[in-house]
């Protein structure tokens, strides 16, 4: 199996939007053996298209065109790695990191499509994620704001749902292929967190991942919403920003918080 078809050297980050993935780009881009560019959206689109091919047209591929399932997989894998992997082409030992947050929706599919790719699930306190989402002005084609950026309960549910999908993918892929990384750990103990992440990727820690002042990055698209925080040192200022939403978190969300290692008080009960 070729490297292009196996996904060797490719790393996919994912998590609920506003969980710190753009901060991770800022840190990873400072490493001499990592290319971490802006979001492309391509991994999810191609992985889902491949699944559609295999589930709906698998027999036709084989019977009418002589295409076996493995050949279809390899072709789709090479399409994806060819589209996003040019920066590491011909550079052994380098890693291509794609950080589209909604990669989390396709971690399991990508794991099957690219059997040697690695995955990183970025998680963050759901109350802080929701608080950040509610500051976004993200709208649908009808120009109305999405519910998860305009309604607190919907924002909390959005975090819980996407995080749950990520946890399912962790189980399906196994610890050898996916690493869970908490945003809070990254900003509180950046060197320790980055060392663990780089070790997972088979790389050595480099101080440039934290000392990134001389490593300018062109921020594009939704990334620009996080300026000027991205050019400032990593700090803990945003931890606890969503504490006012604690009372709106339902029990399912509280259980999720606890499972991820966050403190979550029991829901208050109304006395009659």
C-alpha atoms as a PDB file:
ATOM      1  CA  UNK A   1       0.000   0.000   0.000  1.00  0.00           C
ATOM      2  CA  UNK A   2       1.397   3.402  -0.977  1.00  0.00           C
ATOM      3  CA  UNK A   3       1.853   6.132   1.624  1.00  0.00           C
ATOM      4  CA  UNK A   4      -0.682   8.257  -0.244  1.00  0.00           C
ATOM      5  CA  UNK A   5      -3.302   5.518   0.056  1.00  0.00           C
ATOM      6  CA  UNK A   6      -2.467   4.644   3.669  1.00  0.00           C
ATOM      7  CA  UNK A   7      -2.501   8.165   5.088  1.00  0.00           C
ATOM      8  CA  UNK A   8       0.913   7.790   6.721  1.00  0.00           C
ATOM      9  CA  UNK A   9       2.066  11.231   7.842  1.00  0.00           C
ATOM     10  CA  UNK A  10      -1.444  12.710   7.866  1.00  0.00           C
ATOM     11  CA  UNK A  11      -3.027  13.969  11.081  1.00  0.00           C
ATOM     12  CA  UNK A  12      -6.611  15.136  11.480  1.00  0.00           C
ATOM     13  CA  UNK A  13      -7.664  17.405  14.326  1.00  0.00           C
ATOM     14  CA  UNK A  14     -11.321  17.762  15.194  1.00  0.00           C
ATOM     15  CA  UNK A  15     -13.696  18.881  17.890  1.00  0.00           C
ATOM     16  CA  UNK A  16     -16.620  21.165  18.524  1.00  0.00           C
ATOM     17  CA  UNK A  17     -16.031  24.603  16.964  1.00  0.00           C
ATOM     18  CA  UNK A  18     -14.615  27.135  19.465  1.00  0.00           C
ATOM     19  CA  UNK A  19     -12.709  24.416  21.316  1.00  0.00           C
ATOM     20  CA  UNK A  20      -9.250  25.774  20.514  1.00  0.00           C
ATOM     21  CA  UNK A  21      -8.358  24.219  17.166  1.00  0.00           C
ATOM     22  CA  UNK A  22      -7.061  27.481  15.734  1.00  0.00           C
ATOM     23  CA  UNK A  23      -4.831  27.879  18.795  1.00  0.00           C
ATOM     24  CA  UNK A  24      -3.502  24.410  18.020  1.00  0.00           C
ATOM     25  CA  UNK A  25      -2.641  25.551  14.503  1.00  0.00           C
ATOM     26  CA  UNK A  26      -0.669  28.457  15.960  1.00  0.00           C
ATOM     27  CA  UNK A  27       1.337  26.055  18.126  1.00  0.00           C
ATOM     28  CA  UNK A  28       1.842  23.220  15.648  1.00  0.00           C
ATOM     29  CA  UNK A  29       2.840  25.493  12.785  1.00  0.00           C
ATOM     30  CA  UNK A  30       6.009  26.412  14.666  1.00  0.00           C
ATOM     31  CA  UNK A  31       7.371  22.873  14.415  1.00  0.00           C
ATOM     32  CA  UNK A  32       9.944  22.284  11.684  1.00  0.00           C
ATOM     33  CA  UNK A  33       8.357  18.994  10.605  1.00  0.00           C
ATOM     34  CA  UNK A  34       4.707  19.996  10.669  1.00  0.00           C
ATOM     35  CA  UNK A  35       2.607  21.788   8.093  1.00  0.00           C
ATOM     36  CA  UNK A  36      -0.693  22.928   9.586  1.00  0.00           C
ATOM     37  CA  UNK A  37      -2.665  25.160   7.258  1.00  0.00           C
ATOM     38  CA  UNK A  38      -6.155  26.649   7.387  1.00  0.00           C
ATOM     39  CA  UNK A  39      -9.365  24.648   7.337  1.00  0.00           C
ATOM     40  CA  UNK A  40     -10.207  23.035   3.999  1.00  0.00           C
ATOM     41  CA  UNK A  41     -13.349  21.018   4.739  1.00  0.00           C
ATOM     42  CA  UNK A  42     -12.087  18.406   2.285  1.00  0.00           C
ATOM     43  CA  UNK A  43     -11.567  15.444   4.647  1.00  0.00           C
ATOM     44  CA  UNK A  44     -15.220  15.312   5.702  1.00  0.00           C
ATOM     45  CA  UNK A  45     -16.531  15.796   2.167  1.00  0.00           C
ATOM     46  CA  UNK A  46     -14.324  13.117   0.623  1.00  0.00           C
ATOM     47  CA  UNK A  47     -14.744  10.597   3.454  1.00  0.00           C
ATOM     48  CA  UNK A  48     -18.516  10.873   3.273  1.00  0.00           C
ATOM     49  CA  UNK A  49     -18.506  10.639  -0.517  1.00  0.00           C
ATOM     50  CA  UNK A  50     -16.377   7.503  -0.297  1.00  0.00           C
ATOM     51  CA  UNK A  51     -18.832   5.973   2.166  1.00  0.00           C
ATOM     52  CA  UNK A  52     -21.699   6.791  -0.192  1.00  0.00           C
ATOM     53  CA  UNK A  53     -19.843   5.083  -3.025  1.00  0.00           C
ATOM     54  CA  UNK A  54     -19.180   1.953  -1.010  1.00  0.00           C
ATOM     55  CA  UNK A  55     -22.678   1.620   0.455  1.00  0.00           C
ATOM     56  CA  UNK A  56     -24.725   2.595  -2.600  1.00  0.00           C
ATOM     57  CA  UNK A  57     -22.555   1.680  -5.577  1.00  0.00           C
ATOM     58  CA  UNK A  58     -20.210  -0.996  -4.270  1.00  0.00           C
ATOM     59  CA  UNK A  59     -21.656  -3.856  -6.325  1.00  0.00           C
ATOM     60  CA  UNK A  60     -21.871  -1.700  -9.452  1.00  0.00           C
ATOM     61  CA  UNK A  61     -18.221  -0.727  -9.104  1.00  0.00           C
ATOM     62  CA  UNK A  62     -17.233  -4.372  -8.990  1.00  0.00           C
ATOM     63  CA  UNK A  63     -19.698  -5.912 -11.447  1.00  0.00           C
ATOM     64  CA  UNK A  64     -19.882  -3.204 -14.114  1.00  0.00           C
ATOM     65  CA  UNK A  65     -16.483  -1.542 -13.881  1.00  0.00           C
ATOM     66  CA  UNK A  66     -14.250  -4.201 -12.348  1.00  0.00           C
ATOM     67  CA  UNK A  67     -13.406  -1.971  -9.392  1.00  0.00           C
ATOM     68  CA  UNK A  68     -12.877  -3.827  -6.145  1.00  0.00           C
ATOM     69  CA  UNK A  69     -13.708  -2.132  -2.856  1.00  0.00           C
ATOM     70  CA  UNK A  70     -10.029  -1.777  -1.923  1.00  0.00           C
ATOM     71  CA  UNK A  71      -9.260  -0.106  -5.233  1.00  0.00           C
ATOM     72  CA  UNK A  72     -12.068   2.391  -4.705  1.00  0.00           C
ATOM     73  CA  UNK A  73     -10.784   3.093  -1.184  1.00  0.00           C
ATOM     74  CA  UNK A  74      -7.216   3.578  -2.380  1.00  0.00           C
ATOM     75  CA  UNK A  75      -8.329   5.915  -5.171  1.00  0.00           C
ATOM     76  CA  UNK A  76     -10.399   8.063  -2.805  1.00  0.00           C
ATOM     77  CA  UNK A  77      -7.584   8.063  -0.248  1.00  0.00           C
ATOM     78  CA  UNK A  78      -5.105   9.235  -2.870  1.00  0.00           C
ATOM     79  CA  UNK A  79      -7.558  11.939  -3.963  1.00  0.00           C
ATOM     80  CA  UNK A  80      -7.693  13.338  -0.432  1.00  0.00           C
ATOM     81  CA  UNK A  81      -3.992  13.072   0.352  1.00  0.00           C
ATOM     82  CA  UNK A  82      -3.140  14.468  -3.065  1.00  0.00           C
ATOM     83  CA  UNK A  83      -5.331  17.521  -2.556  1.00  0.00           C
ATOM     84  CA  UNK A  84      -4.053  18.452   0.908  1.00  0.00           C
ATOM     85  CA  UNK A  85      -0.652  16.774   1.109  1.00  0.00           C
ATOM     86  CA  UNK A  86       1.503  18.764  -1.316  1.00  0.00           C
ATOM     87  CA  UNK A  87       3.400  20.586   1.502  1.00  0.00           C
ATOM     88  CA  UNK A  88       4.890  17.287   2.758  1.00  0.00           C
ATOM     89  CA  UNK A  89       5.301  15.551  -0.601  1.00  0.00           C
ATOM     90  CA  UNK A  90       8.823  14.158  -0.846  1.00  0.00           C
ATOM     91  CA  UNK A  91       9.626  15.151   2.741  1.00  0.00           C
ATOM     92  CA  UNK A  92       9.996  11.956   4.800  1.00  0.00           C
ATOM     93  CA  UNK A  93       9.253  12.338   8.490  1.00  0.00           C
ATOM     94  CA  UNK A  94       7.061  15.412   8.018  1.00  0.00           C
ATOM     95  CA  UNK A  95       3.413  15.620   9.067  1.00  0.00           C
ATOM     96  CA  UNK A  96       0.418  17.247   7.407  1.00  0.00           C
ATOM     97  CA  UNK A  97      -2.109  18.418  10.001  1.00  0.00           C
ATOM     98  CA  UNK A  98      -5.630  19.304   8.831  1.00  0.00           C
ATOM     99  CA  UNK A  99      -7.610  21.020  11.569  1.00  0.00           C
ATOM    100  CA  UNK A 100     -11.147  21.583  10.274  1.00  0.00           C
ATOM    101  CA  UNK A 101     -13.168  21.306  13.483  1.00  0.00           C
ATOM    102  CA  UNK A 102     -15.950  19.270  11.890  1.00  0.00           C
ATOM    103  CA  UNK A 103     -13.457  16.583  10.929  1.00  0.00           C
ATOM    104  CA  UNK A 104     -14.816  15.104  14.147  1.00  0.00           C
ATOM    105  CA  UNK A 105     -17.938  14.073  12.235  1.00  0.00           C
ATOM    106  CA  UNK A 106     -15.855  11.830   9.983  1.00  0.00           C
ATOM    107  CA  UNK A 107     -13.087  10.545  12.260  1.00  0.00           C
ATOM    108  CA  UNK A 108     -14.340   6.971  11.993  1.00  0.00           C
ATOM    109  CA  UNK A 109     -14.755   7.157   8.213  1.00  0.00           C
ATOM    110  CA  UNK A 110     -11.364   8.787   7.799  1.00  0.00           C
ATOM    111  CA  UNK A 111      -9.861   6.089   9.981  1.00  0.00           C
ATOM    112  CA  UNK A 112     -11.116   3.442   7.564  1.00  0.00           C
ATOM    113  CA  UNK A 113     -10.232   5.459   4.475  1.00  0.00           C
ATOM    114  CA  UNK A 114      -6.688   6.187   5.686  1.00  0.00           C
ATOM    115  CA  UNK A 115      -5.620   3.249   7.881  1.00  0.00           C
ATOM    116  CA  UNK A 116      -2.324   4.826   8.994  1.00  0.00           C
ATOM    117  CA  UNK A 117      -3.567   8.368   9.678  1.00  0.00           C
ATOM    118  CA  UNK A 118      -3.604   9.743  13.233  1.00  0.00           C
ATOM    119  CA  UNK A 119      -6.362  11.743  14.924  1.00  0.00           C
ATOM    120  CA  UNK A 120      -6.508  14.316  17.718  1.00  0.00           C
ATOM    121  CA  UNK A 121      -9.784  15.063  19.502  1.00  0.00           C
ATOM    122  CA  UNK A 122      -9.681  18.559  21.011  1.00  0.00           C
ATOM    123  CA  UNK A 123     -12.129  19.005  23.883  1.00  0.00           C
ATOM    124  CA  UNK A 124     -13.029  22.013  26.009  1.00  0.00           C
ATOM    125  CA  UNK A 125     -15.428  22.785  28.844  1.00  0.00           C
ATOM    126  CA  UNK A 126     -18.822  22.884  27.143  1.00  0.00           C
ATOM    127  CA  UNK A 127     -19.916  25.975  29.051  1.00  0.00           C
ATOM    128  CA  UNK A 128     -16.953  27.941  27.709  1.00  0.00           C
ATOM    129  CA  UNK A 129     -17.523  26.576  24.206  1.00  0.00           C
ATOM    130  CA  UNK A 130     -21.155  27.653  24.319  1.00  0.00           C
ATOM    131  CA  UNK A 131     -20.225  31.123  25.583  1.00  0.00           C
ATOM    132  CA  UNK A 132     -17.851  31.525  22.654  1.00  0.00           C
ATOM    133  CA  UNK A 133     -20.368  30.181  20.133  1.00  0.00           C
ATOM    134  CA  UNK A 134     -22.942  32.701  21.319  1.00  0.00           C
ATOM    135  CA  UNK A 135     -20.601  35.529  20.300  1.00  0.00           C
ATOM    136  CA  UNK A 136     -20.469  34.342  16.686  1.00  0.00           C
ATOM    137  CA  UNK A 137     -22.598  35.776  13.899  1.00  0.00           C
ATOM    138  CA  UNK A 138     -22.876  32.606  11.853  1.00  0.00           C
ATOM    139  CA  UNK A 139     -25.883  32.472   9.562  1.00  0.00           C
ATOM    140  CA  UNK A 140     -27.488  30.010   7.213  1.00  0.00           C
ATOM    141  CA  UNK A 141     -28.438  30.559   3.551  1.00  0.00           C
ATOM    142  CA  UNK A 142     -31.665  32.195   4.735  1.00  0.00           C
ATOM    143  CA  UNK A 143     -29.527  34.811   6.601  1.00  0.00           C
ATOM    144  CA  UNK A 144     -30.942  33.761   9.980  1.00  0.00           C
ATOM    145  CA  UNK A 145     -28.458  32.950  12.768  1.00  0.00           C
ATOM    146  CA  UNK A 146     -27.917  29.276  13.465  1.00  0.00           C
ATOM    147  CA  UNK A 147     -29.587  28.100  16.671  1.00  0.00           C
ATOM    148  CA  UNK A 148     -26.278  27.026  18.206  1.00  0.00           C
ATOM    149  CA  UNK A 149     -24.915  30.580  18.036  1.00  0.00           C
ATOM    150  CA  UNK A 150     -28.084  32.358  19.136  1.00  0.00           C
ATOM    151  CA  UNK A 151     -29.722  30.128  21.769  1.00  0.00           C
ATOM    152  CA  UNK A 152     -27.799  29.072  24.901  1.00  0.00           C
ATOM    153  CA  UNK A 153     -29.529  25.701  25.265  1.00  0.00           C
ATOM    154  CA  UNK A 154     -28.871  24.903  21.604  1.00  0.00           C
ATOM    155  CA  UNK A 155     -25.214  25.891  21.959  1.00  0.00           C
ATOM    156  CA  UNK A 156     -24.777  23.559  24.932  1.00  0.00           C
ATOM    157  CA  UNK A 157     -26.513  20.714  23.090  1.00  0.00           C
ATOM    158  CA  UNK A 158     -24.368  21.313  20.001  1.00  0.00           C
ATOM    159  CA  UNK A 159     -21.237  20.901  22.118  1.00  0.00           C
ATOM    160  CA  UNK A 160     -22.576  17.787  23.816  1.00  0.00           C
ATOM    161  CA  UNK A 161     -23.621  16.153  20.541  1.00  0.00           C
ATOM    162  CA  UNK A 162     -20.336  16.782  18.718  1.00  0.00           C
ATOM    163  CA  UNK A 163     -18.265  15.788  21.726  1.00  0.00           C
ATOM    164  CA  UNK A 164     -20.237  12.571  21.982  1.00  0.00           C
ATOM    165  CA  UNK A 165     -19.469  11.776  18.342  1.00  0.00           C
ATOM    166  CA  UNK A 166     -15.801  12.379  19.080  1.00  0.00           C
ATOM    167  CA  UNK A 167     -15.831  10.043  22.063  1.00  0.00           C
ATOM    168  CA  UNK A 168     -17.457   7.321  19.962  1.00  0.00           C
ATOM    169  CA  UNK A 169     -14.689   7.753  17.407  1.00  0.00           C
ATOM    170  CA  UNK A 170     -12.062   7.435  20.147  1.00  0.00           C
ATOM    171  CA  UNK A 171     -13.492   4.044  21.068  1.00  0.00           C
ATOM    172  CA  UNK A 172     -13.755   2.899  17.462  1.00  0.00           C
ATOM    173  CA  UNK A 173     -10.236   3.976  16.460  1.00  0.00           C
ATOM    174  CA  UNK A 174      -8.462   2.999  19.666  1.00  0.00           C
ATOM    175  CA  UNK A 175      -5.764   4.771  21.708  1.00  0.00           C
ATOM    176  CA  UNK A 176      -3.017   4.004  19.224  1.00  0.00           C
ATOM    177  CA  UNK A 177      -4.657   6.149  16.565  1.00  0.00           C
ATOM    178  CA  UNK A 178      -6.484   8.911  18.404  1.00  0.00           C
ATOM    179  CA  UNK A 179      -5.374  11.233  21.197  1.00  0.00           C
ATOM    180  CA  UNK A 180      -7.722  13.330  23.305  1.00  0.00           C
ATOM    181  CA  UNK A 181      -6.330  16.737  24.240  1.00  0.00           C
ATOM    182  CA  UNK A 182      -8.032  19.224  26.551  1.00  0.00           C
ATOM    183  CA  UNK A 183      -7.847  22.899  25.651  1.00  0.00           C
ATOM    184  CA  UNK A 184      -7.413  23.788  29.314  1.00  0.00           C
ATOM    185  CA  UNK A 185      -4.365  21.536  29.620  1.00  0.00           C
ATOM    186  CA  UNK A 186      -2.828  23.126  26.533  1.00  0.00           C
ATOM    187  CA  UNK A 187      -3.107  26.669  27.881  1.00  0.00           C
ATOM    188  CA  UNK A 188      -2.210  25.801  31.495  1.00  0.00           C
ATOM    189  CA  UNK A 189       0.694  23.477  30.744  1.00  0.00           C
ATOM    190  CA  UNK A 190       1.562  24.075  27.094  1.00  0.00           C
ATOM    191  CA  UNK A 191       4.987  22.438  27.076  1.00  0.00           C
ATOM    192  CA  UNK A 192       3.746  19.247  28.709  1.00  0.00           C
ATOM    193  CA  UNK A 193       0.722  19.091  26.407  1.00  0.00           C
ATOM    194  CA  UNK A 194       2.697  19.762  23.247  1.00  0.00           C
ATOM    195  CA  UNK A 195       5.364  17.240  24.213  1.00  0.00           C
ATOM    196  CA  UNK A 196       2.685  14.560  24.650  1.00  0.00           C
ATOM    197  CA  UNK A 197       1.024  15.485  21.363  1.00  0.00           C
ATOM    198  CA  UNK A 198       4.271  15.488  19.414  1.00  0.00           C
ATOM    199  CA  UNK A 199       5.275  12.173  20.938  1.00  0.00           C
ATOM    200  CA  UNK A 200       1.950  10.756  19.742  1.00  0.00           C
ATOM    201  CA  UNK A 201       2.822  12.011  16.250  1.00  0.00           C
ATOM    202  CA  UNK A 202       6.279  10.452  16.415  1.00  0.00           C
ATOM    203  CA  UNK A 203       8.080  13.798  16.670  1.00  0.00           C
ATOM    204  CA  UNK A 204      10.390  15.501  19.148  1.00  0.00           C
ATOM    205  CA  UNK A 205       9.356  18.599  21.051  1.00  0.00           C
ATOM    206  CA  UNK A 206      10.727  21.874  19.654  1.00  0.00           C
ATOM    207  CA  UNK A 207      10.685  25.157  21.641  1.00  0.00           C
ATOM    208  CA  UNK A 208       9.485  26.985  18.525  1.00  0.00           C
ATOM    209  CA  UNK A 209       6.031  25.519  19.050  1.00  0.00           C
ATOM    210  CA  UNK A 210       5.619  27.863  22.015  1.00  0.00           C
ATOM    211  CA  UNK A 211       7.987  30.660  20.966  1.00  0.00           C
ATOM    212  CA  UNK A 212       6.113  31.505  17.800  1.00  0.00           C
ATOM    213  CA  UNK A 213       6.569  35.292  17.671  1.00  0.00           C
ATOM    214  CA  UNK A 214       8.889  34.997  14.676  1.00  0.00           C
ATOM    215  CA  UNK A 215       6.629  32.600  12.813  1.00  0.00           C
ATOM    216  CA  UNK A 216       3.950  34.741  11.135  1.00  0.00           C
ATOM    217  CA  UNK A 217       0.821  32.990   9.890  1.00  0.00           C
ATOM    218  CA  UNK A 218      -1.727  34.287   7.426  1.00  0.00           C
ATOM    219  CA  UNK A 219      -5.083  33.816   9.119  1.00  0.00           C
ATOM    220  CA  UNK A 220      -7.995  33.401   6.758  1.00  0.00           C
ATOM    221  CA  UNK A 221     -11.744  32.841   6.911  1.00  0.00           C
ATOM    222  CA  UNK A 222     -13.296  32.160  10.299  1.00  0.00           C
ATOM    223  CA  UNK A 223      -9.845  32.030  11.881  1.00  0.00           C
ATOM    224  CA  UNK A 224      -9.737  35.817  11.733  1.00  0.00           C
ATOM    225  CA  UNK A 225     -12.560  35.976  14.275  1.00  0.00           C
ATOM    226  CA  UNK A 226     -10.026  34.979  16.945  1.00  0.00           C
ATOM    227  CA  UNK A 227      -7.656  37.876  16.289  1.00  0.00           C
ATOM    228  CA  UNK A 228      -5.815  39.377  18.156  1.00  0.00           C
ATOM    229  CA  UNK A 229      -5.818  36.486  20.650  1.00  0.00           C
ATOM    230  CA  UNK A 230      -3.923  34.286  18.203  1.00  0.00           C
ATOM    231  CA  UNK A 231      -0.903  36.562  18.125  1.00  0.00           C
ATOM    232  CA  UNK A 232      -0.755  36.843  21.916  1.00  0.00           C
ATOM    233  CA  UNK A 233       0.946  34.335  24.224  1.00  0.00           C
ATOM    234  CA  UNK A 234      -1.107  31.293  25.165  1.00  0.00           C
ATOM    235  CA  UNK A 235      -2.962  32.180  28.362  1.00  0.00           C
ATOM    236  CA  UNK A 236      -5.716  30.964  30.658  1.00  0.00           C
ATOM    237  CA  UNK A 237      -7.926  34.055  30.419  1.00  0.00           C
ATOM    238  CA  UNK A 238     -10.788  32.302  28.616  1.00  0.00           C
ATOM    239  CA  UNK A 239     -11.092  29.424  31.067  1.00  0.00           C
ATOM    240  CA  UNK A 240     -14.361  29.823  32.963  1.00  0.00           C
ATOM    241  CA  UNK A 241     -15.812  32.343  30.500  1.00  0.00           C
ATOM    242  CA  UNK A 242     -19.046  30.361  30.333  1.00  0.00           C
ATOM    243  CA  UNK A 243     -19.687  29.921  34.047  1.00  0.00           C
ATOM    244  CA  UNK A 244     -22.906  31.946  33.764  1.00  0.00           C
ATOM    245  CA  UNK A 245     -24.324  29.159  31.582  1.00  0.00           C
ATOM    246  CA  UNK A 246     -23.858  26.512  34.257  1.00  0.00           C
ATOM    247  CA  UNK A 247     -27.488  26.656  35.333  1.00  0.00           C
ATOM    248  CA  UNK A 248     -28.638  25.940  31.775  1.00  0.00           C
ATOM    249  CA  UNK A 249     -26.614  22.749  31.401  1.00  0.00           C
ATOM    250  CA  UNK A 250     -28.865  19.688  31.486  1.00  0.00           C
ATOM    251  CA  UNK A 251     -27.945  16.456  33.253  1.00  0.00           C
ATOM    252  CA  UNK A 252     -26.682  14.812  30.059  1.00  0.00           C
ATOM    253  CA  UNK A 253     -24.314  17.718  29.576  1.00  0.00           C
ATOM    254  CA  UNK A 254     -23.166  17.547  33.188  1.00  0.00           C
ATOM    255  CA  UNK A 255     -22.426  13.859  32.830  1.00  0.00           C
ATOM    256  CA  UNK A 256     -20.393  14.631  29.723  1.00  0.00           C
ATOM    257  CA  UNK A 257     -18.422  17.287  31.584  1.00  0.00           C
ATOM    258  CA  UNK A 258     -17.626  14.876  34.387  1.00  0.00           C
ATOM    259  CA  UNK A 259     -16.587  12.167  31.940  1.00  0.00           C
ATOM    260  CA  UNK A 260     -14.082  14.613  30.454  1.00  0.00           C
ATOM    261  CA  UNK A 261     -12.688  15.566  33.855  1.00  0.00           C
ATOM    262  CA  UNK A 262     -14.500  18.869  34.401  1.00  0.00           C
ATOM    263  CA  UNK A 263     -16.302  19.893  37.548  1.00  0.00           C
ATOM    264  CA  UNK A 264     -20.052  19.951  37.176  1.00  0.00           C
ATOM    265  CA  UNK A 265     -22.334  20.545  40.121  1.00  0.00           C
ATOM    266  CA  UNK A 266     -25.530  18.554  40.352  1.00  0.00           C
ATOM    267  CA  UNK A 267     -28.500  20.257  38.754  1.00  0.00           C
ATOM    268  CA  UNK A 268     -30.567  22.237  41.212  1.00  0.00           C
ATOM    269  CA  UNK A 269     -34.026  20.887  41.951  1.00  0.00           C
ATOM    270  CA  UNK A 270     -37.053  23.071  42.302  1.00  0.00           C
ATOM    271  CA  UNK A 271     -38.925  22.493  45.541  1.00  0.00           C
ATOM    272  CA  UNK A 272     -42.702  22.375  45.453  1.00  0.00           C
END
